[in-house]
C-alpha atoms as a PDB file:
ATOM      1  CA  MET A   1      20.452 -16.335 -15.779  1.00  0.00           C
ATOM      2  CA  GLN A   2      18.762 -12.948 -16.082  1.00  0.00           C
ATOM      3  CA  ASN A   3      20.183 -11.292 -12.924  1.00  0.00           C
ATOM      4  CA  GLU A   4      23.633 -12.844 -13.065  1.00  0.00           C
ATOM      5  CA  GLY A   5      26.144 -10.771 -11.133  1.00  0.00           C
ATOM      6  CA  ARG A   6      23.506  -8.731  -9.296  1.00  0.00           C
ATOM      7  CA  LYS A   7      22.151  -9.408  -5.840  1.00  0.00           C
ATOM      8  CA  GLN A   8      18.510 -10.452  -5.904  1.00  0.00           C
ATOM      9  CA  LEU A   9      16.311  -8.119  -3.821  1.00  0.00           C
ATOM     10  CA  LEU A  10      12.808  -9.570  -4.007  1.00  0.00           C
ATOM     11  CA  HIS A  11       9.782  -7.254  -3.978  1.00  0.00           C
ATOM     12  CA  LEU A  12       6.074  -8.123  -3.877  1.00  0.00           C
ATOM     13  CA  VAL A  13       3.456  -5.921  -5.566  1.00  0.00           C
ATOM     14  CA  PHE A  14      -0.111  -6.335  -4.331  1.00  0.00           C
ATOM     15  CA  GLY A  15      -3.251  -4.300  -3.824  1.00  0.00           C
ATOM     16  CA  GLY A  16      -6.966  -4.127  -3.316  1.00  0.00           C
ATOM     17  CA  GLU A  17      -9.805  -1.951  -2.143  1.00  0.00           C
ATOM     18  CA  LEU A  18      -9.298  -0.280   1.212  1.00  0.00           C
ATOM     19  CA  VAL A  19     -11.940   0.160   3.910  1.00  0.00           C
ATOM     20  CA  ASP A  20     -10.800   3.723   4.605  1.00  0.00           C
ATOM     21  CA  LEU A  21      -8.742   6.045   2.401  1.00  0.00           C
ATOM     22  CA  GLU A  22      -6.581   6.965   5.390  1.00  0.00           C
ATOM     23  CA  GLY A  23      -5.748   3.378   6.375  1.00  0.00           C
ATOM     24  CA  THR A  24      -4.279   0.179   5.005  1.00  0.00           C
ATOM     25  CA  GLU A  25      -7.042  -2.293   5.932  1.00  0.00           C
ATOM     26  CA  PHE A  26      -8.392  -4.154   2.908  1.00  0.00           C
ATOM     27  CA  ARG A  27     -12.131  -4.393   2.318  1.00  0.00           C
ATOM     28  CA  ASP A  28     -12.050  -8.023   1.123  1.00  0.00           C
ATOM     29  CA  LEU A  29      -8.968 -10.176   1.731  1.00  0.00           C
ATOM     30  CA  ASP A  30     -10.269 -12.833  -0.671  1.00  0.00           C
ATOM     31  CA  ASN A  31      -9.928 -10.324  -3.506  1.00  0.00           C
ATOM     32  CA  ILE A  32      -6.378  -9.079  -2.900  1.00  0.00           C
ATOM     33  CA  ASP A  33      -4.659  -8.642  -6.261  1.00  0.00           C
ATOM     34  CA  ILE A  34      -1.221 -10.274  -6.126  1.00  0.00           C
ATOM     35  CA  VAL A  35       0.531  -8.658  -9.076  1.00  0.00           C
ATOM     36  CA  GLY A  36       3.745 -10.614  -8.624  1.00  0.00           C
ATOM     37  CA  VAL A  37       7.206 -10.995  -7.142  1.00  0.00           C
ATOM     38  CA  PHE A  38       9.987  -9.017  -8.804  1.00  0.00           C
ATOM     39  CA  PRO A  39      13.791  -9.342  -8.603  1.00  0.00           C
ATOM     40  CA  ASP A  40      14.462  -5.648  -7.938  1.00  0.00           C
ATOM     41  CA  TYR A  41      12.747  -2.431  -6.906  1.00  0.00           C
ATOM     42  CA  ALA A  42      12.812  -0.911 -10.405  1.00  0.00           C
ATOM     43  CA  SER A  43      10.755  -3.689 -11.967  1.00  0.00           C
ATOM     44  CA  ALA A  44       8.418  -3.791  -8.938  1.00  0.00           C
ATOM     45  CA  HIS A  45       7.888  -0.042  -9.190  1.00  0.00           C
ATOM     46  CA  GLN A  46       7.084  -0.360 -12.890  1.00  0.00           C
ATOM     47  CA  ALA A  47       4.430  -3.025 -12.143  1.00  0.00           C
ATOM     48  CA  TRP A  48       3.043  -0.987  -9.219  1.00  0.00           C
ATOM     49  CA  LYS A  49       2.755   2.122 -11.381  1.00  0.00           C
ATOM     50  CA  ALA A  50       0.951   0.254 -14.173  1.00  0.00           C
ATOM     51  CA  LYS A  51      -1.621  -1.167 -11.714  1.00  0.00           C
ATOM     52  CA  ALA A  52      -2.039   2.137  -9.891  1.00  0.00           C
ATOM     53  CA  LEU A  53      -2.681   3.992 -13.152  1.00  0.00           C
ATOM     54  CA  ALA A  54      -5.089   1.300 -14.379  1.00  0.00           C
ATOM     55  CA  THR A  55      -7.218   1.666 -11.231  1.00  0.00           C
ATOM     56  CA  VAL A  56      -7.028   5.448 -10.811  1.00  0.00           C
ATOM     57  CA  ASP A  57     -10.824   5.795 -11.168  1.00  0.00           C
ATOM     58  CA  ASN A  58     -11.406   3.777  -7.978  1.00  0.00           C
ATOM     59  CA  ALA A  59     -10.351   5.977  -5.051  1.00  0.00           C
ATOM     60  CA  HIS A  60     -10.383   3.040  -2.616  1.00  0.00           C
ATOM     61  CA  MET A  61      -8.045   0.873  -4.705  1.00  0.00           C
ATOM     62  CA  ARG A  62      -4.416   0.957  -3.556  1.00  0.00           C
ATOM     63  CA  TYR A  63      -1.310  -0.957  -4.564  1.00  0.00           C
ATOM     64  CA  PHE A  64       1.789  -1.473  -2.458  1.00  0.00           C
ATOM     65  CA  VAL A  65       5.374  -2.620  -2.891  1.00  0.00           C
ATOM     66  CA  ALA A  66       6.615  -4.886  -0.086  1.00  0.00           C
ATOM     67  CA  HIS A  67      10.358  -5.351   0.305  1.00  0.00           C
ATOM     68  CA  LEU A  68      10.489  -9.139   0.707  1.00  0.00           C
ATOM     69  CA  HIS A  69      14.271  -9.132   0.884  1.00  0.00           C
ATOM     70  CA  ARG A  70      14.026  -7.207   4.157  1.00  0.00           C
ATOM     71  CA  LEU A  71      11.730  -9.877   5.607  1.00  0.00           C
ATOM     72  CA  LEU A  72      14.012 -12.681   4.445  1.00  0.00           C
ATOM     73  CA  ASP A  73      17.154 -10.995   5.794  1.00  0.00           C
ATOM     74  CA  PRO A  74      16.322  -8.245   8.327  1.00  0.00           C
ATOM     75  CA  ALA A  75      19.992  -7.321   8.667  1.00  0.00           C
ATOM     76  CA  GLU A  76      20.114  -6.454   4.956  1.00  0.00           C
ATOM     77  CA  THR A  77      19.705  -2.722   4.326  1.00  0.00           C
ATOM     78  CA  GLY A  78      19.244  -2.992   0.558  1.00  0.00           C
ATOM     79  CA  LYS A  79      22.463  -1.164  -0.288  1.00  0.00           C
END
């Protein structure tokens, strides 16, 4: 197993075009780009950065990292 011995802290990377540069409302929910689910923050950040850099010419395009492990176990602080 790839993450043997380490606690799995799932992260979701997703993005899309925003309605307003100051907000987080997506222009078209049918076109949300689900990049993937990653076993740790480091790999999620790497995927987020690659997508963010690839879409830098579109000012309305934003990517986010969601800490799924916090949703699955709210008592978990990620330490």
